[in-house]
């Protein structure tokens, strides 16, 4: 299988879908990762039992390294269960 590198024109607005337990503070978590960078949060789905909440977090990324770095920081955050 031959995988091609995704062609993205930077800078661009990039969206990350994240899932965390619904009792956690999304604002505090995203602020710890994005710091002074502008971003937006949009509440998405709640699990059937209400234990998990998904959000779309969007921000301007200037290059591939920045996009992947933010993804890794989100993925490695102890409170975030899943990142797309």
Protein backbone atom coordinates (compact mmCIF):
# COMPACT_ATOMS: atom_id res chain seq x y z
CA UNK A 1 0.00 0.00 0.00
CA UNK A 2 1.40 3.37 -1.02
CA UNK A 3 0.38 6.19 1.32
CA UNK A 4 0.70 9.75 0.07
CA UNK A 5 1.39 12.73 2.28
CA UNK A 6 -1.68 14.90 2.76
CA UNK A 7 -1.38 18.17 0.80
CA UNK A 8 -2.43 21.07 3.04
CA UNK A 9 -2.08 24.77 2.24
CA UNK A 10 -0.84 26.60 5.34
CA UNK A 11 -1.77 28.63 7.26
CA UNK A 12 -5.20 27.09 7.67
CA UNK A 13 -7.88 26.54 10.28
CA UNK A 14 -7.60 23.00 11.66
CA UNK A 15 -10.22 21.14 13.68
CA UNK A 16 -9.48 18.53 16.32
CA UNK A 17 -12.28 16.32 17.63
CA UNK A 18 -11.68 15.43 21.28
CA UNK A 19 -13.52 13.25 23.78
CA UNK A 20 -13.29 13.57 27.55
CA UNK A 21 -15.34 12.77 30.61
CA UNK A 22 -18.29 15.14 30.78
CA UNK A 23 -17.48 16.37 34.29
CA UNK A 24 -14.11 17.85 33.23
CA UNK A 25 -13.49 21.51 32.37
CA UNK A 26 -12.84 21.78 28.62
CA UNK A 27 -11.82 25.44 28.94
CA UNK A 28 -9.07 24.65 31.45
CA UNK A 29 -7.78 21.72 29.40
CA UNK A 30 -7.64 23.61 26.09
CA UNK A 31 -6.10 26.71 27.69
CA UNK A 32 -3.27 24.54 29.05
CA UNK A 33 -2.50 23.36 25.51
CA UNK A 34 -3.23 26.39 23.32
CA UNK A 35 -2.02 28.94 25.90
CA UNK A 36 -2.23 32.41 24.24
CA UNK A 37 -3.15 31.09 20.80
CA UNK A 38 -6.67 31.77 19.54
CA UNK A 39 -8.99 28.79 19.36
CA UNK A 40 -12.68 27.95 19.44
CA UNK A 41 -14.59 25.17 21.17
CA UNK A 42 -17.84 23.72 19.91
CA UNK A 43 -19.70 21.19 22.03
CA UNK A 44 -20.63 18.12 20.05
CA UNK A 45 -22.09 14.78 21.16
CA UNK A 46 -22.69 13.35 24.61
CA UNK A 47 -22.48 9.61 25.21
CA UNK A 48 -25.74 7.77 25.83
CA UNK A 49 -25.02 7.40 29.55
CA UNK A 50 -23.74 10.99 29.77
CA UNK A 51 -20.26 9.98 30.96
CA UNK A 52 -18.36 11.35 27.92
CA UNK A 53 -18.60 14.57 25.94
CA UNK A 54 -17.06 15.33 22.55
CA UNK A 55 -15.94 18.74 21.33
CA UNK A 56 -14.54 20.24 18.16
CA UNK A 57 -11.60 22.49 18.93
CA UNK A 58 -10.39 24.66 16.04
CA UNK A 59 -7.37 26.89 15.66
CA UNK A 60 -5.19 28.46 12.97
CA UNK A 61 -2.08 26.36 12.30
CA UNK A 62 0.87 27.77 10.39
CA UNK A 63 2.58 24.57 9.29
CA UNK A 64 2.56 20.79 9.48
CA UNK A 65 4.84 20.71 12.52
CA UNK A 66 2.49 22.97 14.51
CA UNK A 67 -0.58 20.93 13.49
CA UNK A 68 1.03 17.66 14.58
CA UNK A 69 2.46 19.16 17.77
CA UNK A 70 -0.99 20.32 18.91
CA UNK A 71 -2.41 16.90 18.05
CA UNK A 72 0.28 15.18 20.15
CA UNK A 73 -0.29 17.54 23.09
CA UNK A 74 -4.02 16.84 22.99
CA UNK A 75 -3.44 13.09 22.64
CA UNK A 76 -1.00 13.02 25.57
CA UNK A 77 -3.14 15.10 27.94
CA UNK A 78 -4.18 12.91 30.86
CA UNK A 79 -7.83 14.08 30.79
CA UNK A 80 -8.47 13.58 27.07
CA UNK A 81 -9.66 10.09 26.19
CA UNK A 82 -9.56 10.32 22.38
CA UNK A 83 -8.43 12.74 19.62
CA UNK A 84 -9.17 12.78 15.89
